[in-house]
Amino acid sequence: MKQLHIGITGSRDGITQAQVEAFVTELSKYDEIKLHHGDCVGVDEGIHKILLDDKKENPKVIEIYIHPPTDNKQRAFCQKKYETKVWHLGYDSFCKENGNSCEVVLT
């Protein structure tokens, strides 16, 4: 089983169509995906939704780890919007977790 452990951070302006296509192409190479994101509006929310949509079309193991910010002003609340099982880890651990355990960190 081919696995990918990935951390995502990006613009609050969202993800471009070219980025979506590249990401989905890369996802198709893996059977199991572990994703960490900061639960912010923009790229974090976009990637969260892409993973769930991709899982519907291509069933695979997907685990999403959310590192929510302490200030909710720019928070996307992905778990509530998409009713997914996620693991909540502190925002302070986001960089540490991604730097230490992820195979890929996309910014």
PDB file of N, CA and C in Angstrom:
ATOM      1  N   MET A   1       0.853  -1.181   0.000  1.00  0.00           N
ATOM      2  CA  MET A   1       0.000   0.000   0.000  1.00  0.00           C
ATOM      3  C   MET A   1       0.894   1.238   0.000  1.00  0.00           C
ATOM      4  N   LYS A   2       0.686   2.109  -0.943  1.00  0.00           N
ATOM      5  CA  LYS A   2       1.494   3.318  -1.059  1.00  0.00           C
ATOM      6  C   LYS A   2       0.863   4.437  -0.227  1.00  0.00           C
ATOM      7  N   GLN A   3       1.684   5.049   0.660  1.00  0.00           N
ATOM      8  CA  GLN A   3       1.192   6.059   1.591  1.00  0.00           C
ATOM      9  C   GLN A   3       1.838   7.416   1.338  1.00  0.00           C
ATOM     10  N   LEU A   4       1.080   8.473   1.684  1.00  0.00           N
ATOM     11  CA  LEU A   4       1.591   9.840   1.626  1.00  0.00           C
ATOM     12  C   LEU A   4       1.201  10.543   2.916  1.00  0.00           C
ATOM     13  N   HIS A   5       2.179  11.146   3.580  1.00  0.00           N
ATOM     14  CA  HIS A   5       1.945  11.940   4.796  1.00  0.00           C
ATOM     15  C   HIS A   5       2.314  13.373   4.423  1.00  0.00           C
ATOM     16  N   ILE A   6       1.306  14.253   4.403  1.00  0.00           N
ATOM     17  CA  ILE A   6       1.494  15.583   3.823  1.00  0.00           C
ATOM     18  C   ILE A   6       0.983  16.682   4.751  1.00  0.00           C
ATOM     19  N   GLY A   7       1.656  17.812   4.732  1.00  0.00           N
ATOM     20  CA  GLY A   7       1.225  18.998   5.457  1.00  0.00           C
ATOM     21  C   GLY A   7       0.925  20.108   4.458  1.00  0.00           C
ATOM     22  N   ILE A   8      -0.150  20.839   4.695  1.00  0.00           N
ATOM     23  CA  ILE A   8      -0.590  21.892   3.772  1.00  0.00           C
ATOM     24  C   ILE A   8      -0.676  23.229   4.502  1.00  0.00           C
ATOM     25  N   THR A   9      -0.218  24.261   3.859  1.00  0.00           N
ATOM     26  CA  THR A   9      -0.469  25.628   4.298  1.00  0.00           C
ATOM     27  C   THR A   9      -0.482  26.484   3.040  1.00  0.00           C
ATOM     28  N   GLY A  10      -1.260  27.539   3.043  1.00  0.00           N
ATOM     29  CA  GLY A  10      -1.327  28.347   1.828  1.00  0.00           C
ATOM     30  C   GLY A  10      -2.127  29.616   2.014  1.00  0.00           C
ATOM     31  N   SER A  11      -2.433  30.231   0.903  1.00  0.00           N
ATOM     32  CA  SER A  11      -3.097  31.525   0.858  1.00  0.00           C
ATOM     33  C   SER A  11      -4.552  31.458   1.316  1.00  0.00           C
ATOM     34  N   ARG A  12      -5.011  32.525   1.935  1.00  0.00           N
ATOM     35  CA  ARG A  12      -6.429  32.643   2.278  1.00  0.00           C
ATOM     36  C   ARG A  12      -7.270  32.902   1.033  1.00  0.00           C
ATOM     37  N   ASP A  13      -6.607  33.218  -0.071  1.00  0.00           N
ATOM     38  CA  ASP A  13      -7.327  33.481  -1.321  1.00  0.00           C
ATOM     39  C   ASP A  13      -7.787  32.206  -2.008  1.00  0.00           C
ATOM     40  N   GLY A  14      -7.360  31.056  -1.525  1.00  0.00           N
ATOM     41  CA  GLY A  14      -7.806  29.795  -2.101  1.00  0.00           C
ATOM     42  C   GLY A  14      -6.783  29.148  -3.008  1.00  0.00           C
ATOM     43  N   ILE A  15      -7.244  28.115  -3.675  1.00  0.00           N
ATOM     44  CA  ILE A  15      -6.385  27.285  -4.504  1.00  0.00           C
ATOM     45  C   ILE A  15      -6.778  27.462  -5.968  1.00  0.00           C
ATOM     46  N   THR A  16      -5.794  27.540  -6.843  1.00  0.00           N
ATOM     47  CA  THR A  16      -6.075  27.732  -8.267  1.00  0.00           C
ATOM     48  C   THR A  16      -6.462  26.401  -8.912  1.00  0.00           C
ATOM     49  N   GLN A  17      -7.087  26.471 -10.068  1.00  0.00           N
ATOM     50  CA  GLN A  17      -7.476  25.258 -10.787  1.00  0.00           C
ATOM     51  C   GLN A  17      -6.250  24.426 -11.154  1.00  0.00           C
ATOM     52  N   ALA A  18      -5.171  25.077 -11.544  1.00  0.00           N
ATOM     53  CA  ALA A  18      -3.938  24.350 -11.878  1.00  0.00           C
ATOM     54  C   ALA A  18      -3.407  23.607 -10.650  1.00  0.00           C
ATOM     55  N   GLN A  19      -3.480  24.234  -9.476  1.00  0.00           N
ATOM     56  CA  GLN A  19      -3.036  23.581  -8.243  1.00  0.00           C
ATOM     57  C   GLN A  19      -3.937  22.396  -7.899  1.00  0.00           C
ATOM     58  N   VAL A  20      -5.243  22.563  -8.091  1.00  0.00           N
ATOM     59  CA  VAL A  20      -6.189  21.473  -7.836  1.00  0.00           C
ATOM     60  C   VAL A  20      -5.846  20.278  -8.715  1.00  0.00           C
ATOM     61  N   GLU A  21      -5.656  20.526  -9.998  1.00  0.00           N
ATOM     62  CA  GLU A  21      -5.356  19.445 -10.939  1.00  0.00           C
ATOM     63  C   GLU A  21      -4.056  18.737 -10.580  1.00  0.00           C
ATOM     64  N   ALA A  22      -3.033  19.497 -10.228  1.00  0.00           N
ATOM     65  CA  ALA A  22      -1.747  18.896  -9.853  1.00  0.00           C
ATOM     66  C   ALA A  22      -1.894  18.074  -8.575  1.00  0.00           C
ATOM     67  N   PHE A  23      -2.645  18.586  -7.618  1.00  0.00           N
ATOM     68  CA  PHE A  23      -2.831  17.891  -6.346  1.00  0.00           C
ATOM     69  C   PHE A  23      -3.603  16.588  -6.544  1.00  0.00           C
ATOM     70  N   VAL A  24      -4.693  16.643  -7.303  1.00  0.00           N
ATOM     71  CA  VAL A  24      -5.501  15.447  -7.555  1.00  0.00           C
ATOM     72  C   VAL A  24      -4.686  14.398  -8.308  1.00  0.00           C
ATOM     73  N   THR A  25      -3.881  14.830  -9.262  1.00  0.00           N
ATOM     74  CA  THR A  25      -3.009  13.897  -9.987  1.00  0.00           C
ATOM     75  C   THR A  25      -2.047  13.211  -9.028  1.00  0.00           C
ATOM     76  N   GLU A  26      -1.466  13.979  -8.127  1.00  0.00           N
ATOM     77  CA  GLU A  26      -0.532  13.407  -7.152  1.00  0.00           C
ATOM     78  C   GLU A  26      -1.256  12.447  -6.206  1.00  0.00           C
ATOM     79  N   LEU A  27      -2.459  12.807  -5.760  1.00  0.00           N
ATOM     80  CA  LEU A  27      -3.230  11.942  -4.858  1.00  0.00           C
ATOM     81  C   LEU A  27      -3.520  10.586  -5.474  1.00  0.00           C
ATOM     82  N   SER A  28      -3.739  10.567  -6.770  1.00  0.00           N
ATOM     83  CA  SER A  28      -4.110   9.320  -7.440  1.00  0.00           C
ATOM     84  C   SER A  28      -3.022   8.251  -7.341  1.00  0.00           C
ATOM     85  N   LYS A  29      -1.823   8.634  -6.971  1.00  0.00           N
ATOM     86  CA  LYS A  29      -0.704   7.691  -6.871  1.00  0.00           C
ATOM     87  C   LYS A  29      -0.680   6.942  -5.537  1.00  0.00           C
ATOM     88  N   TYR A  30      -1.552   7.318  -4.605  1.00  0.00           N
ATOM     89  CA  TYR A  30      -1.481   6.784  -3.243  1.00  0.00           C
ATOM     90  C   TYR A  30      -2.773   6.094  -2.821  1.00  0.00           C
ATOM     91  N   ASP A  31      -2.621   5.067  -1.978  1.00  0.00           N
ATOM     92  CA  ASP A  31      -3.761   4.333  -1.423  1.00  0.00           C
ATOM     93  C   ASP A  31      -4.158   4.862  -0.052  1.00  0.00           C
ATOM     94  N   GLU A  32      -3.203   5.471   0.631  1.00  0.00           N
ATOM     95  CA  GLU A  32      -3.447   5.988   1.980  1.00  0.00           C
ATOM     96  C   GLU A  32      -2.830   7.376   2.090  1.00  0.00           C
ATOM     97  N   ILE A  33      -3.641   8.328   2.579  1.00  0.00           N
ATOM     98  CA  ILE A  33      -3.188   9.718   2.678  1.00  0.00           C
ATOM     99  C   ILE A  33      -3.446  10.227   4.093  1.00  0.00           C
ATOM    100  N   LYS A  34      -2.422  10.822   4.684  1.00  0.00           N
ATOM    101  CA  LYS A  34      -2.555  11.507   5.971  1.00  0.00           C
ATOM    102  C   LYS A  34      -2.241  12.973   5.712  1.00  0.00           C
ATOM    103  N   LEU A  35      -3.202  13.840   5.996  1.00  0.00           N
ATOM    104  CA  LEU A  35      -3.067  15.263   5.704  1.00  0.00           C
ATOM    105  C   LEU A  35      -3.173  16.082   6.980  1.00  0.00           C
ATOM    106  N   HIS A  36      -2.270  17.038   7.137  1.00  0.00           N
ATOM    107  CA  HIS A  36      -2.313  18.003   8.241  1.00  0.00           C
ATOM    108  C   HIS A  36      -2.576  19.385   7.646  1.00  0.00           C
ATOM    109  N   HIS A  37      -3.520  20.125   8.243  1.00  0.00           N
ATOM    110  CA  HIS A  37      -3.722  21.516   7.826  1.00  0.00           C
ATOM    111  C   HIS A  37      -4.171  22.352   9.013  1.00  0.00           C
ATOM    112  N   GLY A  38      -4.108  23.664   8.850  1.00  0.00           N
ATOM    113  CA  GLY A  38      -4.390  24.598   9.938  1.00  0.00           C
ATOM    114  C   GLY A  38      -5.828  25.052  10.056  1.00  0.00           C
ATOM    115  N   ASP A  39      -6.747  24.470   9.258  1.00  0.00           N
ATOM    116  CA  ASP A  39      -8.176  24.784   9.317  1.00  0.00           C
ATOM    117  C   ASP A  39      -8.462  26.266   9.082  1.00  0.00           C
ATOM    118  N   CYS A  40      -7.733  26.858   8.159  1.00  0.00           N
ATOM    119  CA  CYS A  40      -7.968  28.261   7.807  1.00  0.00           C
ATOM    120  C   CYS A  40      -8.733  28.345   6.490  1.00  0.00           C
ATOM    121  N   VAL A  41      -9.430  29.467   6.277  1.00  0.00           N
ATOM    122  CA  VAL A  41     -10.120  29.681   5.006  1.00  0.00           C
ATOM    123  C   VAL A  41      -9.080  29.724   3.894  1.00  0.00           C
ATOM    124  N   GLY A  42      -9.502  29.378   2.698  1.00  0.00           N
ATOM    125  CA  GLY A  42      -8.585  29.399   1.559  1.00  0.00           C
ATOM    126  C   GLY A  42      -8.076  28.013   1.224  1.00  0.00           C
ATOM    127  N   VAL A  43      -6.767  27.883   1.132  1.00  0.00           N
ATOM    128  CA  VAL A  43      -6.145  26.634   0.697  1.00  0.00           C
ATOM    129  C   VAL A  43      -6.476  25.468   1.633  1.00  0.00           C
ATOM    130  N   ASP A  44      -6.394  25.670   2.942  1.00  0.00           N
ATOM    131  CA  ASP A  44      -6.667  24.569   3.879  1.00  0.00           C
ATOM    132  C   ASP A  44      -8.054  23.978   3.633  1.00  0.00           C
ATOM    133  N   GLU A  45      -9.046  24.844   3.557  1.00  0.00           N
ATOM    134  CA  GLU A  45     -10.418  24.381   3.336  1.00  0.00           C
ATOM    135  C   GLU A  45     -10.572  23.745   1.956  1.00  0.00           C
ATOM    136  N   GLY A  46      -9.953  24.339   0.949  1.00  0.00           N
ATOM    137  CA  GLY A  46     -10.031  23.797  -0.408  1.00  0.00           C
ATOM    138  C   GLY A  46      -9.453  22.395  -0.506  1.00  0.00           C
ATOM    139  N   ILE A  47      -8.295  22.187   0.097  1.00  0.00           N
ATOM    140  CA  ILE A  47      -7.652  20.873   0.075  1.00  0.00           C
ATOM    141  C   ILE A  47      -8.482  19.855   0.854  1.00  0.00           C
ATOM    142  N   HIS A  48      -9.040  20.270   1.978  1.00  0.00           N
ATOM    143  CA  HIS A  48      -9.894  19.389   2.788  1.00  0.00           C
ATOM    144  C   HIS A  48     -11.052  18.870   1.929  1.00  0.00           C
ATOM    145  N   LYS A  49     -11.714  19.776   1.234  1.00  0.00           N
ATOM    146  CA  LYS A  49     -12.851  19.405   0.387  1.00  0.00           C
ATOM    147  C   LYS A  49     -12.411  18.519  -0.776  1.00  0.00           C
ATOM    148  N   ILE A  50     -11.284  18.832  -1.389  1.00  0.00           N
ATOM    149  CA  ILE A  50     -10.772  18.016  -2.497  1.00  0.00           C
ATOM    150  C   ILE A  50     -10.540  16.578  -2.036  1.00  0.00           C
ATOM    151  N   LEU A  51      -9.949  16.420  -0.865  1.00  0.00           N
ATOM    152  CA  LEU A  51      -9.703  15.069  -0.348  1.00  0.00           C
ATOM    153  C   LEU A  51     -11.002  14.299  -0.172  1.00  0.00           C
ATOM    154  N   LEU A  52     -12.024  14.946   0.363  1.00  0.00           N
ATOM    155  CA  LEU A  52     -13.299  14.265   0.568  1.00  0.00           C
ATOM    156  C   LEU A  52     -13.965  13.934  -0.758  1.00  0.00           C
ATOM    157  N   ASP A  53     -13.922  14.847  -1.713  1.00  0.00           N
ATOM    158  CA  ASP A  53     -14.488  14.585  -3.038  1.00  0.00           C
ATOM    159  C   ASP A  53     -13.740  13.450  -3.722  1.00  0.00           C
ATOM    160  N   ASP A  54     -12.413  13.447  -3.604  1.00  0.00           N
ATOM    161  CA  ASP A  54     -11.596  12.407  -4.223  1.00  0.00           C
ATOM    162  C   ASP A  54     -11.902  11.047  -3.602  1.00  0.00           C
ATOM    163  N   LYS A  55     -12.156  11.022  -2.306  1.00  0.00           N
ATOM    164  CA  LYS A  55     -12.455   9.758  -1.625  1.00  0.00           C
ATOM    165  C   LYS A  55     -13.762   9.163  -2.136  1.00  0.00           C
ATOM    166  N   LYS A  56     -14.722   9.997  -2.468  1.00  0.00           N
ATOM    167  CA  LYS A  56     -15.994   9.501  -3.007  1.00  0.00           C
ATOM    168  C   LYS A  56     -15.774   8.801  -4.343  1.00  0.00           C
ATOM    169  N   GLU A  57     -14.899   9.370  -5.169  1.00  0.00           N
ATOM    170  CA  GLU A  57     -14.633   8.805  -6.490  1.00  0.00           C
ATOM    171  C   GLU A  57     -13.635   7.657  -6.440  1.00  0.00           C
ATOM    172  N   ASN A  58     -12.670   7.738  -5.560  1.00  0.00           N
ATOM    173  CA  ASN A  58     -11.600   6.748  -5.465  1.00  0.00           C
ATOM    174  C   ASN A  58     -11.428   6.346  -4.006  1.00  0.00           C
ATOM    175  N   PRO A  59     -12.235   5.390  -3.546  1.00  0.00           N
ATOM    176  CA  PRO A  59     -12.149   5.019  -2.129  1.00  0.00           C
ATOM    177  C   PRO A  59     -10.720   4.663  -1.719  1.00  0.00           C
ATOM    178  N   LYS A  60     -10.283   5.284  -0.656  1.00  0.00           N
ATOM    179  CA  LYS A  60      -8.951   5.050  -0.118  1.00  0.00           C
ATOM    180  C   LYS A  60      -8.962   5.474   1.339  1.00  0.00           C
ATOM    181  N   VAL A  61      -7.894   5.181   2.037  1.00  0.00           N
ATOM    182  CA  VAL A  61      -7.774   5.577   3.433  1.00  0.00           C
ATOM    183  C   VAL A  61      -7.305   7.027   3.479  1.00  0.00           C
ATOM    184  N   ILE A  62      -8.102   7.885   4.107  1.00  0.00           N
ATOM    185  CA  ILE A  62      -7.731   9.292   4.252  1.00  0.00           C
ATOM    186  C   ILE A  62      -7.920   9.683   5.714  1.00  0.00           C
ATOM    187  N   GLU A  63      -6.859  10.193   6.314  1.00  0.00           N
ATOM    188  CA  GLU A  63      -6.926  10.722   7.673  1.00  0.00           C
ATOM    189  C   GLU A  63      -6.573  12.201   7.604  1.00  0.00           C
ATOM    190  N   ILE A  64      -7.416  13.032   8.218  1.00  0.00           N
ATOM    191  CA  ILE A  64      -7.189  14.474   8.206  1.00  0.00           C
ATOM    192  C   ILE A  64      -6.930  14.932   9.638  1.00  0.00           C
ATOM    193  N   TYR A  65      -5.817  15.602   9.817  1.00  0.00           N
ATOM    194  CA  TYR A  65      -5.423  16.135  11.122  1.00  0.00           C
ATOM    195  C   TYR A  65      -5.522  17.654  11.055  1.00  0.00           C
ATOM    196  N   ILE A  66      -6.350  18.232  11.928  1.00  0.00           N
ATOM    197  CA  ILE A  66      -6.554  19.677  11.933  1.00  0.00           C
ATOM    198  C   ILE A  66      -5.797  20.293  13.105  1.00  0.00           C
ATOM    199  N   HIS A  67      -5.085  21.353  12.810  1.00  0.00           N
ATOM    200  CA  HIS A  67      -4.347  22.125  13.813  1.00  0.00           C
ATOM    201  C   HIS A  67      -4.986  23.512  13.859  1.00  0.00           C
ATOM    202  N   PRO A  68      -6.144  23.665  14.528  1.00  0.00           N
ATOM    203  CA  PRO A  68      -6.887  24.930  14.461  1.00  0.00           C
ATOM    204  C   PRO A  68      -6.151  26.089  15.130  1.00  0.00           C
ATOM    205  N   PRO A  69      -6.332  27.284  14.558  1.00  0.00           N
ATOM    206  CA  PRO A  69      -5.713  28.473  15.158  1.00  0.00           C
ATOM    207  C   PRO A  69      -6.425  28.846  16.456  1.00  0.00           C
ATOM    208  N   THR A  70      -5.749  29.599  17.285  1.00  0.00           N
ATOM    209  CA  THR A  70      -6.374  30.053  18.527  1.00  0.00           C
ATOM    210  C   THR A  70      -7.337  31.210  18.272  1.00  0.00           C
ATOM    211  N   ASP A  71      -7.128  31.955  17.200  1.00  0.00           N
ATOM    212  CA  ASP A  71      -8.015  33.053  16.801  1.00  0.00           C
ATOM    213  C   ASP A  71      -8.916  32.529  15.680  1.00  0.00           C
ATOM    214  N   ASN A  72     -10.218  32.485  15.918  1.00  0.00           N
ATOM    215  CA  ASN A  72     -11.154  31.902  14.951  1.00  0.00           C
ATOM    216  C   ASN A  72     -11.510  32.811  13.784  1.00  0.00           C
ATOM    217  N   LYS A  73     -10.942  34.009  13.717  1.00  0.00           N
ATOM    218  CA  LYS A  73     -11.322  34.982  12.687  1.00  0.00           C
ATOM    219  C   LYS A  73     -11.160  34.418  11.265  1.00  0.00           C
ATOM    220  N   GLN A  74     -10.094  33.698  10.999  1.00  0.00           N
ATOM    221  CA  GLN A  74      -9.847  33.153   9.659  1.00  0.00           C
ATOM    222  C   GLN A  74     -10.027  31.629   9.609  1.00  0.00           C
ATOM    223  N   ARG A  75     -10.684  31.081  10.616  1.00  0.00           N
ATOM    224  CA  ARG A  75     -10.855  29.630  10.688  1.00  0.00           C
ATOM    225  C   ARG A  75     -11.962  29.163   9.749  1.00  0.00           C
ATOM    226  N   ALA A  76     -11.768  28.017   9.118  1.00  0.00           N
ATOM    227  CA  ALA A  76     -12.732  27.477   8.158  1.00  0.00           C
ATOM    228  C   ALA A  76     -13.752  26.530   8.794  1.00  0.00           C
ATOM    229  N   PHE A  77     -13.450  25.962   9.953  1.00  0.00           N
ATOM    230  CA  PHE A  77     -14.324  25.000  10.622  1.00  0.00           C
ATOM    231  C   PHE A  77     -14.687  23.837   9.696  1.00  0.00           C
ATOM    232  N   CYS A  78     -13.678  23.250   9.089  1.00  0.00           N
ATOM    233  CA  CYS A  78     -13.872  22.166   8.120  1.00  0.00           C
ATOM    234  C   CYS A  78     -14.622  20.972   8.694  1.00  0.00           C
ATOM    235  N   GLN A  79     -14.335  20.599   9.920  1.00  0.00           N
ATOM    236  CA  GLN A  79     -14.988  19.421  10.488  1.00  0.00           C
ATOM    237  C   GLN A  79     -16.497  19.618  10.539  1.00  0.00           C
ATOM    238  N   LYS A  80     -16.937  20.783  10.953  1.00  0.00           N
ATOM    239  CA  LYS A  80     -18.367  21.054  11.057  1.00  0.00           C
ATOM    240  C   LYS A  80     -19.012  21.132   9.667  1.00  0.00           C
ATOM    241  N   LYS A  81     -18.368  21.811   8.723  1.00  0.00           N
ATOM    242  CA  LYS A  81     -18.931  21.986   7.381  1.00  0.00           C
ATOM    243  C   LYS A  81     -19.051  20.674   6.624  1.00  0.00           C
ATOM    244  N   TYR A  82     -18.041  19.823   6.758  1.00  0.00           N
ATOM    245  CA  TYR A  82     -17.987  18.616   5.934  1.00  0.00           C
ATOM    246  C   TYR A  82     -18.247  17.341   6.722  1.00  0.00           C
ATOM    247  N   GLU A  83     -18.581  17.490   8.014  1.00  0.00           N
ATOM    248  CA  GLU A  83     -18.925  16.362   8.873  1.00  0.00           C
ATOM    249  C   GLU A  83     -17.954  15.200   8.699  1.00  0.00           C
ATOM    250  N   THR A  84     -16.706  15.478   8.934  1.00  0.00           N
ATOM    251  CA  THR A  84     -15.682  14.457   8.802  1.00  0.00           C
ATOM    252  C   THR A  84     -15.062  14.152  10.154  1.00  0.00           C
ATOM    253  N   LYS A  85     -14.527  12.959  10.265  1.00  0.00           N
ATOM    254  CA  LYS A  85     -13.776  12.606  11.469  1.00  0.00           C
ATOM    255  C   LYS A  85     -12.369  13.143  11.287  1.00  0.00           C
ATOM    256  N   VAL A  86     -11.982  13.990  12.204  1.00  0.00           N
ATOM    257  CA  VAL A  86     -10.637  14.560  12.138  1.00  0.00           C
ATOM    258  C   VAL A  86     -10.002  14.490  13.517  1.00  0.00           C
ATOM    259  N   TRP A  87      -8.718  14.627  13.544  1.00  0.00           N
ATOM    260  CA  TRP A  87      -7.979  14.667  14.791  1.00  0.00           C
ATOM    261  C   TRP A  87      -7.558  16.105  15.015  1.00  0.00           C
ATOM    262  N   HIS A  88      -7.903  16.660  16.171  1.00  0.00           N
ATOM    263  CA  HIS A  88      -7.538  18.039  16.492  1.00  0.00           C
ATOM    264  C   HIS A  88      -6.223  18.062  17.249  1.00  0.00           C
ATOM    265  N   LEU A  89      -5.293  18.787  16.724  1.00  0.00           N
ATOM    266  CA  LEU A  89      -4.004  18.996  17.364  1.00  0.00           C
ATOM    267  C   LEU A  89      -3.814  20.493  17.481  1.00  0.00           C
ATOM    268  N   GLY A  90      -3.097  20.943  18.454  1.00  0.00           N
ATOM    269  CA  GLY A  90      -2.903  22.375  18.646  1.00  0.00           C
ATOM    270  C   GLY A  90      -2.222  23.048  17.469  1.00  0.00           C
ATOM    271  N   TYR A  91      -2.588  24.297  17.245  1.00  0.00           N
ATOM    272  CA  TYR A  91      -1.991  25.070  16.153  1.00  0.00           C
ATOM    273  C   TYR A  91      -0.485  25.197  16.343  1.00  0.00           C
ATOM    274  N   ASP A  92      -0.048  25.286  17.608  1.00  0.00           N
ATOM    275  CA  ASP A  92       1.387  25.387  17.886  1.00  0.00           C
ATOM    276  C   ASP A  92       2.140  24.166  17.391  1.00  0.00           C
ATOM    277  N   SER A  93       1.463  23.023  17.347  1.00  0.00           N
ATOM    278  CA  SER A  93       2.130  21.799  16.908  1.00  0.00           C
ATOM    279  C   SER A  93       2.135  21.661  15.393  1.00  0.00           C
ATOM    280  N   PHE A  94       1.445  22.561  14.678  1.00  0.00           N
ATOM    281  CA  PHE A  94       1.330  22.433  13.220  1.00  0.00           C
ATOM    282  C   PHE A  94       2.691  22.415  12.535  1.00  0.00           C
ATOM    283  N   CYS A  95       3.503  23.424  12.783  1.00  0.00           N
ATOM    284  CA  CYS A  95       4.823  23.488  12.138  1.00  0.00           C
ATOM    285  C   CYS A  95       5.723  22.367  12.628  1.00  0.00           C
ATOM    286  N   LYS A  96       5.683  22.111  13.908  1.00  0.00           N
ATOM    287  CA  LYS A  96       6.519  21.043  14.462  1.00  0.00           C
ATOM    288  C   LYS A  96       6.119  19.702  13.865  1.00  0.00           C
ATOM    289  N   GLU A  97       4.830  19.419  13.842  1.00  0.00           N
ATOM    290  CA  GLU A  97       4.329  18.149  13.316  1.00  0.00           C
ATOM    291  C   GLU A  97       4.675  18.011  11.841  1.00  0.00           C
ATOM    292  N   ASN A  98       4.419  19.053  11.073  1.00  0.00           N
ATOM    293  CA  ASN A  98       4.679  18.980   9.642  1.00  0.00           C
ATOM    294  C   ASN A  98       6.164  18.878   9.350  1.00  0.00           C
ATOM    295  N   GLY A  99       6.957  19.596  10.092  1.00  0.00           N
ATOM    296  CA  GLY A  99       8.392  19.557   9.856  1.00  0.00           C
ATOM    297  C   GLY A  99       9.026  18.242  10.238  1.00  0.00           C
ATOM    298  N   ASN A 100       8.472  17.580  11.240  1.00  0.00           N
ATOM    299  CA  ASN A 100       9.083  16.357  11.742  1.00  0.00           C
ATOM    300  C   ASN A 100       8.530  15.077  11.146  1.00  0.00           C
ATOM    301  N   SER A 101       7.255  15.048  10.774  1.00  0.00           N
ATOM    302  CA  SER A 101       6.688  13.765  10.395  1.00  0.00           C
ATOM    303  C   SER A 101       6.144  13.692   8.978  1.00  0.00           C
ATOM    304  N   CYS A 102       5.934  14.801   8.324  1.00  0.00           N
ATOM    305  CA  CYS A 102       5.381  14.765   6.980  1.00  0.00           C
ATOM    306  C   CYS A 102       6.466  14.510   5.948  1.00  0.00           C
ATOM    307  N   GLU A 103       6.096  13.734   4.948  1.00  0.00           N
ATOM    308  CA  GLU A 103       7.015  13.479   3.848  1.00  0.00           C
ATOM    309  C   GLU A 103       7.084  14.686   2.921  1.00  0.00           C
ATOM    310  N   VAL A 104       5.958  15.402   2.827  1.00  0.00           N
ATOM    311  CA  VAL A 104       5.853  16.549   1.935  1.00  0.00           C
ATOM    312  C   VAL A 104       5.142  17.667   2.678  1.00  0.00           C
ATOM    313  N   VAL A 105       5.632  18.888   2.552  1.00  0.00           N
ATOM    314  CA  VAL A 105       4.940  20.062   3.078  1.00  0.00           C
ATOM    315  C   VAL A 105       4.723  20.996   1.897  1.00  0.00           C
ATOM    316  N   LEU A 106       3.459  21.268   1.583  1.00  0.00           N
ATOM    317  CA  LEU A 106       3.129  22.150   0.466  1.00  0.00           C
ATOM    318  C   LEU A 106       2.729  23.509   0.998  1.00  0.00           C
ATOM    319  N   THR A 107       3.286  24.567   0.397  1.00  0.00           N
ATOM    320  CA  THR A 107       2.933  25.928   0.788  1.00  0.00           C
ATOM    321  C   THR A 107       2.501  26.711  -0.430  1.00  0.00           C
TER     322      THR A 107
END
